[in-house]
Amino acid sequence: MYEKGNKVIVKITNITPYGAFCRAGKADGLIHISEVSDYFVKDIKDFFDIGDEIEVEVLDFDLVRKHIKLSYKNCHPELLKTYDNEIQEIKAAFKNLNKNQNKTENIKNISKTNENE
């Protein structure tokens, strides 16, 4: 019936602050707010209206309860964050602090030391 990774068309039946409920055939589904976008979603109603028919990806299907966990963002690459997997080298420095030394001033000195290297 519904298998993980399949793309299906669903109809939005209700919207709550934490997700959108939908209907796919004879099964009920939920698109949790975390599956709408990788970016911050202030209001899920900015993405869906009741009655919308949208394409989603099946994350999980409970055969007994006939309930589907769905992802909207997996069908819409523009909603996924991309990460640069390249490791970047940074320079770091440690310096002992004296009890009477101003910590803020010491941080400025460390920064200047790193810039001169």
N, C-alpha and C. Protein backbone atom coordinates (compact mmCIF):
# COMPACT_ATOMS: atom_id res chain seq x y z
N MET A 1 0.84 -1.19 0.00
CA MET A 1 0.00 0.00 0.00
C MET A 1 0.88 1.25 0.00
N TYR A 2 1.28 1.76 1.17
CA TYR A 2 2.17 2.92 1.25
C TYR A 2 3.52 2.44 1.77
N GLU A 3 4.56 2.73 1.02
CA GLU A 3 5.90 2.31 1.43
C GLU A 3 6.78 3.52 1.62
N LYS A 4 7.71 3.39 2.56
CA LYS A 4 8.65 4.47 2.85
C LYS A 4 9.36 4.90 1.57
N GLY A 5 9.39 6.22 1.36
CA GLY A 5 10.06 6.78 0.18
C GLY A 5 9.15 7.04 -1.00
N ASN A 6 7.94 6.44 -0.99
CA ASN A 6 6.99 6.68 -2.09
C ASN A 6 6.49 8.11 -2.06
N LYS A 7 6.21 8.65 -3.22
CA LYS A 7 5.60 9.97 -3.35
C LYS A 7 4.11 9.77 -3.60
N VAL A 8 3.28 10.51 -2.85
CA VAL A 8 1.83 10.40 -2.99
C VAL A 8 1.21 11.80 -3.00
N ILE A 9 0.03 11.89 -3.57
CA ILE A 9 -0.75 13.13 -3.55
C ILE A 9 -1.75 13.02 -2.41
N VAL A 10 -1.79 14.04 -1.56
CA VAL A 10 -2.72 14.07 -0.42
C VAL A 10 -3.51 15.36 -0.45
N LYS A 11 -4.63 15.34 0.27
CA LYS A 11 -5.47 16.53 0.40
C LYS A 11 -5.44 17.00 1.85
N ILE A 12 -5.12 18.28 2.05
CA ILE A 12 -5.05 18.85 3.41
C ILE A 12 -6.47 18.94 3.97
N THR A 13 -6.68 18.35 5.16
CA THR A 13 -8.01 18.35 5.78
C THR A 13 -8.10 19.24 7.02
N ASN A 14 -6.95 19.49 7.66
CA ASN A 14 -6.95 20.34 8.85
C ASN A 14 -5.53 20.86 9.08
N ILE A 15 -5.44 22.04 9.66
CA ILE A 15 -4.13 22.63 9.95
C ILE A 15 -4.10 23.03 11.42
N THR A 16 -3.03 22.63 12.10
CA THR A 16 -2.83 22.98 13.51
C THR A 16 -1.48 23.68 13.62
N PRO A 17 -1.16 24.25 14.77
CA PRO A 17 0.14 24.90 14.92
C PRO A 17 1.33 23.94 14.76
N TYR A 18 1.12 22.64 14.96
CA TYR A 18 2.23 21.69 14.89
C TYR A 18 2.26 20.86 13.61
N GLY A 19 1.28 21.01 12.73
CA GLY A 19 1.31 20.23 11.50
C GLY A 19 0.03 20.32 10.70
N ALA A 20 0.05 19.63 9.56
CA ALA A 20 -1.11 19.61 8.67
C ALA A 20 -1.61 18.17 8.56
N PHE A 21 -2.89 17.97 8.83
CA PHE A 21 -3.50 16.66 8.67
C PHE A 21 -4.00 16.54 7.24
N CYS A 22 -3.91 15.33 6.71
CA CYS A 22 -4.32 15.15 5.33
C CYS A 22 -4.90 13.75 5.11
N ARG A 23 -5.46 13.59 3.94
CA ARG A 23 -6.11 12.34 3.57
C ARG A 23 -5.46 11.83 2.28
N ALA A 24 -5.08 10.56 2.30
CA ALA A 24 -4.53 9.90 1.11
C ALA A 24 -5.29 8.60 0.93
N GLY A 25 -6.23 8.59 0.02
CA GLY A 25 -7.06 7.39 -0.15
C GLY A 25 -7.87 7.13 1.10
N LYS A 26 -7.67 5.94 1.69
CA LYS A 26 -8.40 5.58 2.91
C LYS A 26 -7.57 5.77 4.17
N ALA A 27 -6.40 6.38 4.03
CA ALA A 27 -5.51 6.57 5.17
C ALA A 27 -5.42 8.05 5.54
N ASP A 28 -5.24 8.30 6.83
CA ASP A 28 -5.02 9.66 7.32
C ASP A 28 -3.53 9.87 7.50
N GLY A 29 -3.09 11.10 7.29
CA GLY A 29 -1.68 11.39 7.43
C GLY A 29 -1.43 12.69 8.16
N LEU A 30 -0.19 12.86 8.58
CA LEU A 30 0.24 14.08 9.24
C LEU A 30 1.57 14.53 8.65
N ILE A 31 1.62 15.79 8.29
CA ILE A 31 2.88 16.43 7.92
C ILE A 31 3.26 17.28 9.13
N HIS A 32 4.20 16.79 9.93
CA HIS A 32 4.63 17.55 11.11
C HIS A 32 5.33 18.81 10.64
N ILE A 33 5.25 19.88 11.42
CA ILE A 33 5.84 21.17 11.04
C ILE A 33 7.34 21.03 10.73
N SER A 34 8.02 20.09 11.36
CA SER A 34 9.45 19.89 11.10
C SER A 34 9.70 19.25 9.73
N GLU A 35 8.65 18.72 9.11
CA GLU A 35 8.77 18.10 7.78
C GLU A 35 8.24 19.02 6.67
N VAL A 36 7.97 20.28 7.02
CA VAL A 36 7.53 21.25 6.01
C VAL A 36 8.74 21.90 5.36
N SER A 37 9.73 22.28 6.15
CA SER A 37 10.92 22.95 5.64
C SER A 37 12.06 22.79 6.64
N ASP A 38 13.30 22.83 6.13
CA ASP A 38 14.46 22.84 7.03
C ASP A 38 14.64 24.22 7.65
N TYR A 39 14.04 25.21 7.05
CA TYR A 39 14.12 26.58 7.57
C TYR A 39 13.00 26.80 8.59
N PHE A 40 13.11 27.86 9.38
CA PHE A 40 12.12 28.15 10.42
C PHE A 40 10.74 28.37 9.80
N VAL A 41 9.75 27.68 10.32
CA VAL A 41 8.36 27.84 9.87
C VAL A 41 7.60 28.51 11.00
N LYS A 42 7.30 29.79 10.83
CA LYS A 42 6.56 30.53 11.85
C LYS A 42 5.10 30.10 11.88
N ASP A 43 4.50 29.99 10.69
CA ASP A 43 3.09 29.64 10.59
C ASP A 43 2.92 28.67 9.43
N ILE A 44 2.48 27.48 9.73
CA ILE A 44 2.31 26.45 8.70
C ILE A 44 1.28 26.86 7.65
N LYS A 45 0.40 27.78 8.02
CA LYS A 45 -0.61 28.26 7.07
C LYS A 45 0.01 29.08 5.94
N ASP A 46 1.27 29.45 6.08
CA ASP A 46 1.98 30.12 4.99
C ASP A 46 2.29 29.14 3.86
N PHE A 47 2.19 27.84 4.15
CA PHE A 47 2.51 26.81 3.16
C PHE A 47 1.27 26.12 2.61
N PHE A 48 0.25 25.92 3.46
CA PHE A 48 -0.91 25.13 3.06
C PHE A 48 -2.22 25.83 3.42
N ASP A 49 -3.25 25.48 2.66
CA ASP A 49 -4.63 25.84 2.99
C ASP A 49 -5.43 24.54 3.01
N ILE A 50 -6.50 24.51 3.79
CA ILE A 50 -7.37 23.34 3.81
C ILE A 50 -7.93 23.15 2.40
N GLY A 51 -7.88 21.92 1.92
CA GLY A 51 -8.34 21.60 0.58
C GLY A 51 -7.23 21.50 -0.46
N ASP A 52 -6.04 22.00 -0.13
CA ASP A 52 -4.91 21.89 -1.06
C ASP A 52 -4.58 20.43 -1.33
N GLU A 53 -4.24 20.13 -2.57
CA GLU A 53 -3.73 18.81 -2.93
C GLU A 53 -2.26 18.98 -3.24
N ILE A 54 -1.42 18.25 -2.50
CA ILE A 54 0.02 18.43 -2.61
C ILE A 54 0.73 17.07 -2.71
N GLU A 55 1.95 17.11 -3.23
CA GLU A 55 2.77 15.91 -3.29
C GLU A 55 3.65 15.84 -2.05
N VAL A 56 3.69 14.68 -1.43
CA VAL A 56 4.50 14.46 -0.23
C VAL A 56 5.21 13.11 -0.34
N GLU A 57 6.18 12.92 0.55
CA GLU A 57 6.89 11.63 0.60
C GLU A 57 6.48 10.88 1.86
N VAL A 58 6.27 9.59 1.73
CA VAL A 58 5.91 8.74 2.86
C VAL A 58 7.16 8.47 3.70
N LEU A 59 7.10 8.82 4.98
CA LEU A 59 8.19 8.53 5.91
C LEU A 59 7.95 7.22 6.65
N ASP A 60 6.67 6.95 6.96
CA ASP A 60 6.32 5.74 7.70
C ASP A 60 4.82 5.50 7.52
N PHE A 61 4.42 4.22 7.60
CA PHE A 61 3.01 3.88 7.49
C PHE A 61 2.66 2.85 8.55
N ASP A 62 1.64 3.17 9.36
CA ASP A 62 1.14 2.26 10.38
C ASP A 62 -0.07 1.54 9.79
N LEU A 63 0.13 0.27 9.44
CA LEU A 63 -0.91 -0.51 8.77
C LEU A 63 -2.14 -0.70 9.65
N VAL A 64 -1.94 -0.89 10.96
CA VAL A 64 -3.06 -1.14 11.88
C VAL A 64 -3.93 0.11 12.01
N ARG A 65 -3.31 1.24 12.27
CA ARG A 65 -4.06 2.49 12.46
C ARG A 65 -4.37 3.20 11.14
N LYS A 66 -3.76 2.73 10.06
CA LYS A 66 -3.89 3.37 8.74
C LYS A 66 -3.52 4.85 8.84
N HIS A 67 -2.34 5.07 9.42
CA HIS A 67 -1.84 6.43 9.61
C HIS A 67 -0.49 6.57 8.92
N ILE A 68 -0.31 7.69 8.20
CA ILE A 68 0.92 7.91 7.45
C ILE A 68 1.67 9.11 8.00
N LYS A 69 2.98 8.96 8.20
CA LYS A 69 3.84 10.10 8.52
C LYS A 69 4.41 10.59 7.20
N LEU A 70 4.28 11.89 6.95
CA LEU A 70 4.62 12.44 5.64
C LEU A 70 5.62 13.57 5.72
N SER A 71 6.33 13.78 4.61
CA SER A 71 7.28 14.88 4.51
C SER A 71 6.97 15.69 3.26
N TYR A 72 6.79 16.99 3.44
CA TYR A 72 6.59 17.91 2.32
C TYR A 72 7.93 18.37 1.77
N LYS A 73 8.89 18.64 2.67
CA LYS A 73 10.17 19.21 2.25
C LYS A 73 10.97 18.24 1.37
N ASN A 74 10.79 16.94 1.55
CA ASN A 74 11.53 15.97 0.74
C ASN A 74 11.12 15.99 -0.72
N CYS A 75 9.97 16.54 -1.02
CA CYS A 75 9.51 16.66 -2.41
C CYS A 75 9.82 18.03 -2.99
N HIS A 76 10.35 18.91 -2.18
CA HIS A 76 10.62 20.29 -2.60
C HIS A 76 12.04 20.67 -2.19
N PRO A 77 13.03 20.41 -3.05
CA PRO A 77 14.44 20.64 -2.71
C PRO A 77 14.76 22.06 -2.26
N GLU A 78 14.00 23.04 -2.71
CA GLU A 78 14.27 24.42 -2.32
C GLU A 78 14.02 24.66 -0.82
N LEU A 79 13.34 23.74 -0.16
CA LEU A 79 13.06 23.85 1.27
C LEU A 79 14.09 23.13 2.14
N LEU A 80 15.05 22.47 1.48
CA LEU A 80 16.08 21.74 2.21
C LEU A 80 17.34 22.59 2.31
N LYS A 81 17.96 22.58 3.47
CA LYS A 81 19.24 23.28 3.64
C LYS A 81 20.33 22.43 3.01
N THR A 82 21.26 23.10 2.36
CA THR A 82 22.42 22.39 1.84
C THR A 82 23.63 22.82 2.65
N TYR A 83 24.51 21.89 2.88
CA TYR A 83 25.68 22.16 3.70
C TYR A 83 26.94 21.92 2.88
N ASP A 84 27.92 22.79 3.06
CA ASP A 84 29.22 22.60 2.43
C ASP A 84 29.98 21.61 3.29
N ASN A 85 30.26 20.44 2.74
CA ASN A 85 30.89 19.38 3.52
C ASN A 85 32.40 19.53 3.64
N GLU A 86 32.95 20.59 3.09
CA GLU A 86 34.39 20.79 3.17
C GLU A 86 34.77 21.27 4.56
N ILE A 87 35.77 20.64 5.13
CA ILE A 87 36.25 21.03 6.46
C ILE A 87 37.18 22.22 6.31
N GLN A 88 36.93 23.24 7.08
CA GLN A 88 37.75 24.44 7.01
C GLN A 88 38.69 24.50 8.21
N GLU A 89 39.95 24.87 7.95
CA GLU A 89 40.93 24.98 9.01
C GLU A 89 40.87 26.39 9.59
N ILE A 90 40.85 26.47 10.92
CA ILE A 90 40.87 27.77 11.58
C ILE A 90 42.04 27.82 12.55
N LYS A 91 42.50 29.02 12.81
CA LYS A 91 43.59 29.19 13.78
C LYS A 91 42.98 29.55 15.13
N ALA A 92 43.50 28.95 16.17
CA ALA A 92 43.02 29.26 17.52
C ALA A 92 44.23 29.52 18.41
N ALA A 93 44.01 30.30 19.43
CA ALA A 93 45.11 30.63 20.34
C ALA A 93 44.62 30.59 21.77
N PHE A 94 45.52 30.21 22.66
CA PHE A 94 45.24 30.23 24.09
C PHE A 94 46.32 31.06 24.78
N LYS A 95 45.91 31.79 25.75
CA LYS A 95 46.86 32.62 26.47
C LYS A 95 46.46 32.61 27.94
N ASN A 96 47.44 32.49 28.83
CA ASN A 96 47.15 32.50 30.27
C ASN A 96 46.71 33.89 30.69
N LEU A 97 45.73 33.94 31.57
CA LEU A 97 45.24 35.21 32.09
C LEU A 97 45.79 35.42 33.50
N ASN A 98 46.24 36.63 33.77
CA ASN A 98 46.62 36.99 35.13
C ASN A 98 45.36 37.38 35.88
N LYS A 99 45.36 37.28 37.19
CA LYS A 99 44.17 37.59 37.98
C LYS A 99 43.70 39.03 37.76
N ASN A 100 44.61 39.96 37.62
CA ASN A 100 44.25 41.37 37.48
C ASN A 100 44.07 41.82 36.03
N GLN A 101 44.19 40.92 35.11
CA GLN A 101 44.10 41.27 33.70
C GLN A 101 42.64 41.38 33.26
N ASN A 102 42.35 42.37 32.44
CA ASN A 102 41.01 42.56 31.90
C ASN A 102 40.77 41.49 30.83
N LYS A 103 39.78 40.65 31.03
CA LYS A 103 39.52 39.55 30.10
C LYS A 103 39.16 40.05 28.71
N THR A 104 38.38 41.11 28.62
CA THR A 104 38.00 41.66 27.32
C THR A 104 39.22 42.16 26.58
N GLU A 105 40.08 42.86 27.27
CA GLU A 105 41.30 43.39 26.64
C GLU A 105 42.19 42.25 26.18
N ASN A 106 42.24 41.18 26.96
CA ASN A 106 43.06 40.04 26.59
C ASN A 106 42.56 39.39 25.30
N ILE A 107 41.24 39.32 25.13
CA ILE A 107 40.67 38.75 23.91
C ILE A 107 41.08 39.58 22.70
N LYS A 108 41.08 40.91 22.85
CA LYS A 108 41.53 41.78 21.76
C LYS A 108 42.99 41.50 21.42
N ASN A 109 43.82 41.30 22.43
CA ASN A 109 45.24 41.01 22.20
C ASN A 109 45.42 39.67 21.47
N ILE A 110 44.64 38.69 21.85
CA ILE A 110 44.72 37.39 21.18
C ILE A 110 44.33 37.54 19.72
N SER A 111 43.27 38.30 19.45
CA SER A 111 42.84 38.53 18.07
C SER A 111 43.95 39.19 17.27
N LYS A 112 44.61 40.19 17.85
CA LYS A 112 45.70 40.88 17.15
C LYS A 112 46.85 39.92 16.90
N THR A 113 47.14 39.05 17.85
CA THR A 113 48.21 38.08 17.69
C THR A 113 47.91 37.15 16.52
N ASN A 114 46.67 36.69 16.41
CA ASN A 114 46.29 35.79 15.32
C ASN A 114 46.37 36.49 13.96
N GLU A 115 46.02 37.76 13.91
CA GLU A 115 46.06 38.50 12.65
C GLU A 115 47.48 38.67 12.17
N ASN A 116 48.45 38.76 13.09
CA ASN A 116 49.85 38.96 12.71
C ASN A 116 50.52 37.68 12.24
N GLU A 117 49.93 36.54 12.49
CA GLU A 117 50.56 35.26 12.11
C GLU A 117 50.41 35.00 10.63
